[in-house]
Amino acid sequence: MDTPLPSSPSTWRILTSYLLVSVSWGFTTPFLRLAALSTPSPPARPALSDPNAPWLKRKVLSGVYAVVDLLRNPKYAIPLLVNVTGSVWFFLLVGEAELSLTVPITNSLAFLFTVLGEWWAEGKVISRGLLLRLLGSVDKRLMISRYLAGYDFGARRYSAVCSREDLNEEKLKS
C-alpha cells in the first residue's frame, strides 16, 4: 500500500502568508513605539521603595510592574497581540515554505509596512528615493540578490524618513 505524498501549499497561500506576517510585524511597530512612549507615569508602589527589601526583589518587581503596566494599556496590548500573532503565523509559514525565501521576503515586506505604519501613525513623510528603494527591495529577484550580497537594509532605515516639521523647517531655511 502506497502512502500519498503531502501536497505543497499553493503559491497564493504562501504569498498571502508572507503578506499577513509582514503586515502584522511591520505595521504594528510604530504603534507599539508610540504606545510605549506615551504611557503615563506608573503609580507609586511601596514594595519598590522599601529600603528593607532585598535589591534583587526590588529589581524583579520593578520589571514585573513595568510589563503589567504596559499590558494594561490597550494602545500597547492590541498591537502587541497582533505582532505576536504574526510570529505564530511565521512559525507556521516556515514549516510550509522555503526558509531561504521566507526570511528575506517577510523581513523586507515588514520593513515596507513599518514605513507605511510610520506614515499612518506618526505622519512621517516618505521621500521619493526611499519609496523607490522600498519598491525595489520588495521585488523578489532584487531582494534575494541584495540579501545574498549582504545588503544592509537596517543601516539606511530612517535616512529618507522625516517628519512634516522637519520639512517645514527646511522650507523656512531656504
N, C-alpha and C. Protein backbone atom coordinates (compact mmCIF):
# COMPACT_ATOMS: atom_id res chain seq x y z
N MET A 1 0.82 -1.17 0.00
CA MET A 1 0.00 0.00 0.00
C MET A 1 0.88 1.26 0.00
N ASP A 2 0.68 2.11 -0.97
CA ASP A 2 1.46 3.33 -1.09
C ASP A 2 0.82 4.45 -0.27
N THR A 3 1.67 5.19 0.41
CA THR A 3 1.17 6.35 1.15
C THR A 3 1.25 7.57 0.26
N PRO A 4 0.19 8.37 0.22
CA PRO A 4 0.23 9.55 -0.66
C PRO A 4 1.20 10.59 -0.13
N LEU A 5 1.88 11.23 -1.05
CA LEU A 5 2.80 12.31 -0.68
C LEU A 5 2.01 13.56 -0.31
N PRO A 6 2.47 14.28 0.70
CA PRO A 6 1.77 15.51 1.06
C PRO A 6 1.91 16.54 -0.05
N SER A 7 0.82 17.21 -0.34
CA SER A 7 0.88 18.22 -1.40
C SER A 7 1.45 19.52 -0.84
N SER A 8 2.16 20.23 -1.68
CA SER A 8 2.72 21.51 -1.24
C SER A 8 1.64 22.58 -1.32
N PRO A 9 1.71 23.58 -0.44
CA PRO A 9 0.70 24.63 -0.45
C PRO A 9 0.77 25.45 -1.74
N SER A 10 -0.35 26.05 -2.09
CA SER A 10 -0.40 26.83 -3.32
C SER A 10 0.43 28.10 -3.19
N THR A 11 0.80 28.63 -4.32
CA THR A 11 1.60 29.86 -4.35
C THR A 11 0.84 31.02 -3.73
N TRP A 12 -0.45 31.11 -4.00
CA TRP A 12 -1.26 32.21 -3.44
C TRP A 12 -1.33 32.13 -1.92
N ARG A 13 -1.39 30.91 -1.41
CA ARG A 13 -1.44 30.75 0.04
C ARG A 13 -0.12 31.20 0.67
N ILE A 14 0.98 30.85 0.05
CA ILE A 14 2.30 31.26 0.55
C ILE A 14 2.43 32.78 0.49
N LEU A 15 2.06 33.38 -0.65
CA LEU A 15 2.16 34.84 -0.79
C LEU A 15 1.27 35.57 0.21
N THR A 16 0.07 35.05 0.43
CA THR A 16 -0.83 35.64 1.42
C THR A 16 -0.22 35.53 2.81
N SER A 17 0.40 34.41 3.09
CA SER A 17 1.05 34.24 4.39
C SER A 17 2.20 35.23 4.57
N TYR A 18 3.00 35.43 3.50
CA TYR A 18 4.07 36.42 3.57
C TYR A 18 3.50 37.80 3.91
N LEU A 19 2.42 38.16 3.24
CA LEU A 19 1.82 39.48 3.49
C LEU A 19 1.25 39.59 4.90
N LEU A 20 0.57 38.56 5.38
CA LEU A 20 -0.01 38.61 6.72
C LEU A 20 1.07 38.76 7.79
N VAL A 21 2.13 37.98 7.68
CA VAL A 21 3.23 38.07 8.65
C VAL A 21 3.87 39.45 8.58
N SER A 22 4.13 39.93 7.37
CA SER A 22 4.80 41.23 7.21
C SER A 22 3.95 42.38 7.74
N VAL A 23 2.66 42.35 7.47
CA VAL A 23 1.79 43.42 7.96
C VAL A 23 1.71 43.36 9.48
N SER A 24 1.58 42.16 10.03
CA SER A 24 1.46 42.07 11.48
C SER A 24 2.75 42.45 12.19
N TRP A 25 3.90 42.24 11.58
CA TRP A 25 5.16 42.67 12.19
C TRP A 25 5.43 44.14 11.92
N GLY A 26 5.35 44.53 10.67
CA GLY A 26 5.79 45.88 10.30
C GLY A 26 4.81 46.98 10.67
N PHE A 27 3.55 46.77 10.43
CA PHE A 27 2.58 47.85 10.63
C PHE A 27 2.34 48.13 12.11
N THR A 28 2.56 47.13 12.97
CA THR A 28 2.33 47.34 14.40
C THR A 28 3.51 48.00 15.10
N THR A 29 4.68 47.96 14.52
CA THR A 29 5.86 48.51 15.18
C THR A 29 5.73 49.98 15.55
N PRO A 30 5.29 50.87 14.66
CA PRO A 30 5.14 52.28 15.05
C PRO A 30 4.09 52.49 16.15
N PHE A 31 3.04 51.69 16.12
CA PHE A 31 2.01 51.82 17.15
C PHE A 31 2.52 51.35 18.51
N LEU A 32 3.34 50.30 18.53
CA LEU A 32 3.95 49.85 19.77
C LEU A 32 4.89 50.92 20.34
N ARG A 33 5.67 51.52 19.46
CA ARG A 33 6.60 52.56 19.91
C ARG A 33 5.86 53.76 20.47
N LEU A 34 4.81 54.21 19.77
CA LEU A 34 4.03 55.35 20.25
C LEU A 34 3.37 55.05 21.59
N ALA A 35 2.81 53.85 21.73
CA ALA A 35 2.15 53.49 22.98
C ALA A 35 3.15 53.39 24.13
N ALA A 36 4.34 52.87 23.85
CA ALA A 36 5.35 52.76 24.91
C ALA A 36 5.85 54.13 25.34
N LEU A 37 5.95 55.06 24.39
CA LEU A 37 6.43 56.40 24.73
C LEU A 37 5.37 57.24 25.42
N SER A 38 4.10 56.93 25.18
CA SER A 38 3.03 57.75 25.74
C SER A 38 2.40 57.15 26.99
N THR A 39 3.03 56.14 27.57
CA THR A 39 2.45 55.56 28.78
C THR A 39 2.57 56.55 29.92
N PRO A 40 1.53 56.66 30.74
CA PRO A 40 1.60 57.58 31.88
C PRO A 40 2.59 57.06 32.91
N SER A 41 3.03 57.94 33.77
CA SER A 41 3.98 57.51 34.80
C SER A 41 3.29 56.51 35.73
N PRO A 42 4.02 55.49 36.12
CA PRO A 42 3.41 54.43 36.93
C PRO A 42 3.05 54.93 38.33
N PRO A 43 2.08 54.30 38.95
CA PRO A 43 1.72 54.69 40.31
C PRO A 43 2.83 54.31 41.29
N ALA A 44 2.80 54.96 42.43
CA ALA A 44 3.80 54.66 43.46
C ALA A 44 3.55 53.26 44.01
N ARG A 45 4.60 52.50 44.11
CA ARG A 45 4.49 51.15 44.62
C ARG A 45 5.38 51.04 45.85
N PRO A 46 4.79 50.79 47.00
CA PRO A 46 5.58 50.74 48.24
C PRO A 46 6.63 49.64 48.24
N ALA A 47 6.38 48.53 47.56
CA ALA A 47 7.35 47.43 47.54
C ALA A 47 8.64 47.82 46.83
N LEU A 48 8.55 48.79 45.92
CA LEU A 48 9.75 49.20 45.18
C LEU A 48 10.60 50.19 45.96
N SER A 49 9.98 50.93 46.86
CA SER A 49 10.73 51.95 47.60
C SER A 49 11.07 51.52 49.02
N ASP A 50 10.76 50.28 49.37
CA ASP A 50 11.06 49.77 50.71
C ASP A 50 12.56 49.51 50.84
N PRO A 51 13.26 50.25 51.73
CA PRO A 51 14.71 50.05 51.85
C PRO A 51 15.07 48.71 52.50
N ASN A 52 14.12 48.08 53.19
CA ASN A 52 14.41 46.79 53.83
C ASN A 52 14.28 45.62 52.88
N ALA A 53 13.67 45.83 51.73
CA ALA A 53 13.53 44.75 50.75
C ALA A 53 14.87 44.52 50.04
N PRO A 54 15.17 43.26 49.72
CA PRO A 54 16.43 42.98 49.01
C PRO A 54 16.46 43.66 47.63
N TRP A 55 17.66 43.99 47.20
CA TRP A 55 17.87 44.68 45.93
C TRP A 55 17.31 43.87 44.78
N LEU A 56 17.57 42.57 44.75
CA LEU A 56 17.11 41.72 43.65
C LEU A 56 15.58 41.68 43.59
N LYS A 57 14.94 41.61 44.74
CA LYS A 57 13.48 41.58 44.78
C LYS A 57 12.90 42.87 44.21
N ARG A 58 13.51 44.01 44.57
CA ARG A 58 13.03 45.30 44.03
C ARG A 58 13.19 45.37 42.53
N LYS A 59 14.31 44.87 42.00
CA LYS A 59 14.55 44.90 40.55
C LYS A 59 13.58 43.98 39.82
N VAL A 60 13.34 42.79 40.34
CA VAL A 60 12.41 41.86 39.70
C VAL A 60 10.99 42.43 39.73
N LEU A 61 10.58 42.96 40.87
CA LEU A 61 9.25 43.56 40.98
C LEU A 61 9.11 44.77 40.05
N SER A 62 10.17 45.54 39.90
CA SER A 62 10.15 46.69 39.00
C SER A 62 9.90 46.25 37.56
N GLY A 63 10.57 45.19 37.15
CA GLY A 63 10.35 44.66 35.79
C GLY A 63 8.95 44.09 35.61
N VAL A 64 8.47 43.38 36.61
CA VAL A 64 7.12 42.80 36.53
C VAL A 64 6.08 43.91 36.46
N TYR A 65 6.23 44.93 37.30
CA TYR A 65 5.27 46.04 37.28
C TYR A 65 5.31 46.80 35.95
N ALA A 66 6.48 46.95 35.37
CA ALA A 66 6.59 47.64 34.08
C ALA A 66 5.85 46.87 32.99
N VAL A 67 6.00 45.55 32.96
CA VAL A 67 5.31 44.73 31.96
C VAL A 67 3.81 44.78 32.19
N VAL A 68 3.38 44.67 33.44
CA VAL A 68 1.95 44.69 33.75
C VAL A 68 1.34 46.04 33.36
N ASP A 69 2.06 47.12 33.65
CA ASP A 69 1.55 48.45 33.29
C ASP A 69 1.39 48.61 31.78
N LEU A 70 2.35 48.09 31.01
CA LEU A 70 2.25 48.16 29.55
C LEU A 70 1.09 47.32 29.03
N LEU A 71 0.93 46.12 29.58
CA LEU A 71 -0.13 45.24 29.09
C LEU A 71 -1.52 45.71 29.48
N ARG A 72 -1.63 46.53 30.49
CA ARG A 72 -2.93 47.10 30.86
C ARG A 72 -3.35 48.22 29.92
N ASN A 73 -2.41 48.73 29.15
CA ASN A 73 -2.68 49.82 28.21
C ASN A 73 -3.14 49.20 26.88
N PRO A 74 -4.41 49.38 26.49
CA PRO A 74 -4.87 48.77 25.23
C PRO A 74 -4.15 49.30 24.00
N LYS A 75 -3.64 50.54 24.06
CA LYS A 75 -2.89 51.07 22.92
C LYS A 75 -1.61 50.28 22.69
N TYR A 76 -1.11 49.62 23.71
CA TYR A 76 0.08 48.80 23.59
C TYR A 76 -0.29 47.32 23.42
N ALA A 77 -1.28 46.86 24.18
CA ALA A 77 -1.60 45.44 24.22
C ALA A 77 -2.16 44.92 22.89
N ILE A 78 -3.00 45.71 22.22
CA ILE A 78 -3.60 45.24 20.97
C ILE A 78 -2.56 45.10 19.85
N PRO A 79 -1.72 46.12 19.61
CA PRO A 79 -0.67 45.90 18.59
C PRO A 79 0.30 44.78 18.97
N LEU A 80 0.57 44.62 20.27
CA LEU A 80 1.45 43.54 20.69
C LEU A 80 0.82 42.18 20.39
N LEU A 81 -0.47 42.05 20.62
CA LEU A 81 -1.17 40.80 20.32
C LEU A 81 -1.12 40.49 18.82
N VAL A 82 -1.33 41.51 18.00
CA VAL A 82 -1.25 41.31 16.54
C VAL A 82 0.17 40.93 16.13
N ASN A 83 1.17 41.58 16.73
CA ASN A 83 2.56 41.31 16.42
C ASN A 83 2.94 39.88 16.80
N VAL A 84 2.53 39.44 17.97
CA VAL A 84 2.84 38.08 18.42
C VAL A 84 2.09 37.06 17.56
N THR A 85 0.88 37.39 17.15
CA THR A 85 0.15 36.51 16.24
C THR A 85 0.91 36.35 14.93
N GLY A 86 1.53 37.43 14.45
CA GLY A 86 2.37 37.35 13.25
C GLY A 86 3.55 36.41 13.45
N SER A 87 4.10 36.37 14.66
CA SER A 87 5.19 35.44 14.94
C SER A 87 4.72 33.99 14.88
N VAL A 88 3.51 33.74 15.36
CA VAL A 88 2.95 32.39 15.26
C VAL A 88 2.73 32.03 13.80
N TRP A 89 2.18 32.97 13.01
CA TRP A 89 2.00 32.72 11.58
C TRP A 89 3.34 32.44 10.90
N PHE A 90 4.37 33.18 11.30
CA PHE A 90 5.70 32.97 10.72
C PHE A 90 6.20 31.57 11.04
N PHE A 91 6.01 31.14 12.26
CA PHE A 91 6.42 29.79 12.65
C PHE A 91 5.72 28.74 11.80
N LEU A 92 4.43 28.93 11.55
CA LEU A 92 3.69 28.00 10.70
C LEU A 92 4.14 28.09 9.24
N LEU A 93 4.46 29.30 8.81
CA LEU A 93 4.90 29.51 7.43
C LEU A 93 6.26 28.86 7.17
N VAL A 94 7.15 28.92 8.13
CA VAL A 94 8.47 28.32 7.96
C VAL A 94 8.34 26.81 7.74
N GLY A 95 7.33 26.19 8.34
CA GLY A 95 7.12 24.77 8.14
C GLY A 95 6.63 24.42 6.75
N GLU A 96 6.03 25.38 6.04
CA GLU A 96 5.47 25.12 4.71
C GLU A 96 6.35 25.62 3.57
N ALA A 97 6.94 26.78 3.74
CA ALA A 97 7.65 27.44 2.64
C ALA A 97 9.16 27.26 2.77
N GLU A 98 9.85 27.62 1.73
CA GLU A 98 11.30 27.56 1.69
C GLU A 98 11.89 28.60 2.64
N LEU A 99 12.70 28.15 3.58
CA LEU A 99 13.26 29.04 4.60
C LEU A 99 14.14 30.13 3.99
N SER A 100 14.92 29.79 2.97
CA SER A 100 15.82 30.77 2.38
C SER A 100 15.07 31.88 1.67
N LEU A 101 13.81 31.69 1.34
CA LEU A 101 12.99 32.75 0.76
C LEU A 101 12.11 33.42 1.80
N THR A 102 11.64 32.65 2.76
CA THR A 102 10.69 33.17 3.74
C THR A 102 11.27 34.29 4.56
N VAL A 103 12.46 34.12 5.07
CA VAL A 103 13.05 35.12 5.96
C VAL A 103 13.30 36.44 5.24
N PRO A 104 14.00 36.47 4.09
CA PRO A 104 14.24 37.78 3.46
C PRO A 104 12.96 38.43 2.92
N ILE A 105 12.03 37.64 2.43
CA ILE A 105 10.80 38.23 1.89
C ILE A 105 9.97 38.85 3.01
N THR A 106 9.76 38.11 4.08
CA THR A 106 8.95 38.66 5.18
C THR A 106 9.62 39.85 5.83
N ASN A 107 10.93 39.81 5.99
CA ASN A 107 11.63 40.95 6.61
C ASN A 107 11.59 42.19 5.72
N SER A 108 11.76 42.02 4.41
CA SER A 108 11.70 43.17 3.51
C SER A 108 10.30 43.76 3.46
N LEU A 109 9.30 42.91 3.39
CA LEU A 109 7.94 43.41 3.40
C LEU A 109 7.59 44.04 4.75
N ALA A 110 8.10 43.48 5.84
CA ALA A 110 7.85 44.08 7.16
C ALA A 110 8.45 45.47 7.23
N PHE A 111 9.62 45.65 6.63
CA PHE A 111 10.22 46.99 6.59
C PHE A 111 9.34 47.95 5.80
N LEU A 112 8.81 47.50 4.68
CA LEU A 112 7.91 48.33 3.88
C LEU A 112 6.69 48.73 4.70
N PHE A 113 6.09 47.78 5.40
CA PHE A 113 4.90 48.08 6.20
C PHE A 113 5.24 48.91 7.45
N THR A 114 6.48 48.82 7.93
CA THR A 114 6.89 49.69 9.04
C THR A 114 6.91 51.14 8.58
N VAL A 115 7.45 51.38 7.40
CA VAL A 115 7.47 52.75 6.86
C VAL A 115 6.05 53.24 6.62
N LEU A 116 5.20 52.39 6.07
CA LEU A 116 3.80 52.78 5.86
C LEU A 116 3.09 53.02 7.20
N GLY A 117 3.41 52.23 8.20
CA GLY A 117 2.83 52.42 9.53
C GLY A 117 3.30 53.72 10.17
N GLU A 118 4.56 54.09 9.94
CA GLU A 118 5.04 55.38 10.46
C GLU A 118 4.33 56.53 9.77
N TRP A 119 4.07 56.37 8.49
CA TRP A 119 3.32 57.40 7.78
C TRP A 119 1.91 57.51 8.36
N TRP A 120 1.29 56.36 8.62
CA TRP A 120 -0.08 56.34 9.13
C TRP A 120 -0.15 56.83 10.58
N ALA A 121 0.73 56.33 11.44
CA ALA A 121 0.63 56.61 12.88
C ALA A 121 1.24 57.95 13.26
N GLU A 122 2.38 58.29 12.66
CA GLU A 122 3.12 59.47 13.09
C GLU A 122 3.12 60.60 12.07
N GLY A 123 2.59 60.35 10.90
CA GLY A 123 2.55 61.39 9.88
C GLY A 123 3.89 61.67 9.24
N LYS A 124 4.82 60.70 9.29
CA LYS A 124 6.12 60.90 8.67
C LYS A 124 5.98 60.89 7.15
N VAL A 125 6.80 61.69 6.50
CA VAL A 125 6.77 61.82 5.05
C VAL A 125 7.75 60.83 4.45
N ILE A 126 7.34 60.17 3.38
CA ILE A 126 8.20 59.21 2.69
C ILE A 126 8.77 59.90 1.46
N SER A 127 10.10 59.99 1.38
CA SER A 127 10.71 60.64 0.23
C SER A 127 10.66 59.72 -0.99
N ARG A 128 10.82 60.30 -2.15
CA ARG A 128 10.77 59.54 -3.40
C ARG A 128 11.89 58.50 -3.45
N GLY A 129 13.08 58.85 -2.98
CA GLY A 129 14.20 57.91 -3.00
C GLY A 129 13.94 56.70 -2.13
N LEU A 130 13.39 56.92 -0.96
CA LEU A 130 13.09 55.79 -0.08
C LEU A 130 12.00 54.92 -0.69
N LEU A 131 11.00 55.54 -1.27
CA LEU A 131 9.92 54.78 -1.88
C LEU A 131 10.44 53.90 -3.01
N LEU A 132 11.34 54.43 -3.83
CA LEU A 132 11.91 53.63 -4.92
C LEU A 132 12.76 52.49 -4.38
N ARG A 133 13.53 52.75 -3.30
CA ARG A 133 14.32 51.67 -2.70
C ARG A 133 13.42 50.60 -2.10
N LEU A 134 12.34 51.02 -1.46
CA LEU A 134 11.41 50.05 -0.88
C LEU A 134 10.77 49.19 -1.95
N LEU A 135 10.32 49.82 -3.00
CA LEU A 135 9.69 49.05 -4.07
C LEU A 135 10.69 48.13 -4.75
N GLY A 136 11.93 48.56 -4.85
CA GLY A 136 12.97 47.70 -5.41
C GLY A 136 13.33 46.54 -4.52
N SER A 137 13.26 46.75 -3.20
CA SER A 137 13.61 45.68 -2.28
C SER A 137 12.52 44.64 -2.18
N VAL A 138 11.29 45.02 -2.52
CA VAL A 138 10.20 44.05 -2.47
C VAL A 138 10.24 43.13 -3.67
N ASP A 139 10.82 43.60 -4.76
CA ASP A 139 10.96 42.74 -5.94
C ASP A 139 11.79 41.53 -5.54
N LYS A 140 11.28 40.36 -5.80
CA LYS A 140 11.88 39.12 -5.31
C LYS A 140 13.33 38.95 -5.76
N ARG A 141 13.61 39.18 -7.02
CA ARG A 141 14.97 38.96 -7.51
C ARG A 141 15.94 39.96 -6.91
N LEU A 142 15.56 41.24 -6.84
CA LEU A 142 16.45 42.23 -6.26
C LEU A 142 16.67 41.97 -4.78
N MET A 143 15.60 41.63 -4.09
CA MET A 143 15.69 41.41 -2.67
C MET A 143 16.60 40.23 -2.36
N ILE A 144 16.44 39.14 -3.07
CA ILE A 144 17.26 37.97 -2.79
C ILE A 144 18.71 38.24 -3.14
N SER A 145 18.96 38.91 -4.25
CA SER A 145 20.35 39.20 -4.61
C SER A 145 20.99 40.14 -3.60
N ARG A 146 20.23 41.13 -3.10
CA ARG A 146 20.78 42.02 -2.08
C ARG A 146 21.00 41.28 -0.77
N TYR A 147 20.08 40.39 -0.43
CA TYR A 147 20.22 39.63 0.79
C TYR A 147 21.46 38.75 0.73
N LEU A 148 21.66 38.08 -0.39
CA LEU A 148 22.81 37.20 -0.52
C LEU A 148 24.11 37.99 -0.62
N ALA A 149 24.05 39.21 -1.12
CA ALA A 149 25.25 40.04 -1.22
C ALA A 149 25.54 40.78 0.08
N GLY A 150 24.69 40.62 1.09
CA GLY A 150 24.93 41.26 2.38
C GLY A 150 24.46 42.69 2.44
N TYR A 151 23.50 43.08 1.61
CA TYR A 151 22.98 44.45 1.62
C TYR A 151 22.31 44.70 2.95
N ASP A 152 22.66 45.78 3.61
CA ASP A 152 22.14 46.09 4.94
C ASP A 152 20.96 47.02 4.83
N PHE A 153 19.74 46.50 4.99
CA PHE A 153 18.55 47.33 4.94
C PHE A 153 18.47 48.22 6.17
N GLY A 154 18.97 47.75 7.32
CA GLY A 154 18.82 48.49 8.56
C GLY A 154 19.65 49.76 8.63
N ALA A 155 20.80 49.80 7.96
CA ALA A 155 21.67 50.96 8.06
C ALA A 155 21.05 52.22 7.47
N ARG A 156 20.21 52.06 6.46
CA ARG A 156 19.60 53.21 5.80
C ARG A 156 18.15 53.39 6.20
N ARG A 157 17.74 52.73 7.26
CA ARG A 157 16.33 52.63 7.58
C ARG A 157 15.62 53.97 7.66
N TYR A 158 16.18 54.93 8.34
CA TYR A 158 15.49 56.19 8.54
C TYR A 158 16.18 57.35 7.82
N SER A 159 17.04 57.03 6.87
CA SER A 159 17.77 58.11 6.22
C SER A 159 16.87 59.04 5.41
N ALA A 160 15.81 58.50 4.85
CA ALA A 160 14.96 59.33 4.00
C ALA A 160 13.58 59.57 4.60
N VAL A 161 13.39 59.19 5.85
CA VAL A 161 12.12 59.40 6.51
C VAL A 161 12.28 60.57 7.48
N CYS A 162 11.42 61.53 7.36
CA CYS A 162 11.48 62.67 8.26
C CYS A 162 10.05 63.12 8.56
N SER A 163 9.93 63.91 9.59
CA SER A 163 8.60 64.37 9.96
C SER A 163 8.22 65.61 9.15
N ARG A 164 6.96 65.94 9.21
CA ARG A 164 6.48 67.13 8.50
C ARG A 164 7.12 68.39 9.05
N GLU A 165 7.38 68.41 10.37
CA GLU A 165 8.02 69.58 10.97
C GLU A 165 9.42 69.80 10.40
N ASP A 166 10.16 68.68 10.17
CA ASP A 166 11.49 68.81 9.58
C ASP A 166 11.42 69.42 8.20
N LEU A 167 10.42 69.02 7.41
CA LEU A 167 10.28 69.58 6.06
C LEU A 167 9.91 71.06 6.14
N ASN A 168 9.05 71.42 7.07
CA ASN A 168 8.68 72.83 7.22
C ASN A 168 9.88 73.67 7.63
N GLU A 169 10.73 73.13 8.51
CA GLU A 169 11.94 73.86 8.90
C GLU A 169 12.87 74.06 7.71
N GLU A 170 13.00 73.02 6.89
CA GLU A 170 13.85 73.13 5.71
C GLU A 170 13.32 74.20 4.73
N LYS A 171 12.00 74.25 4.59
CA LYS A 171 11.42 75.26 3.69
C LYS A 171 11.65 76.65 4.23
N LEU A 172 11.57 76.82 5.56
CA LEU A 172 11.79 78.13 6.16
C LEU A 172 13.24 78.59 6.00
N LYS A 173 14.16 77.64 6.08
CA LYS A 173 15.57 77.98 5.96
C LYS A 173 15.94 78.44 4.55
N SER A 174 15.29 77.85 3.56
CA SER A 174 15.65 78.19 2.17
C SER A 174 14.85 79.35 1.63
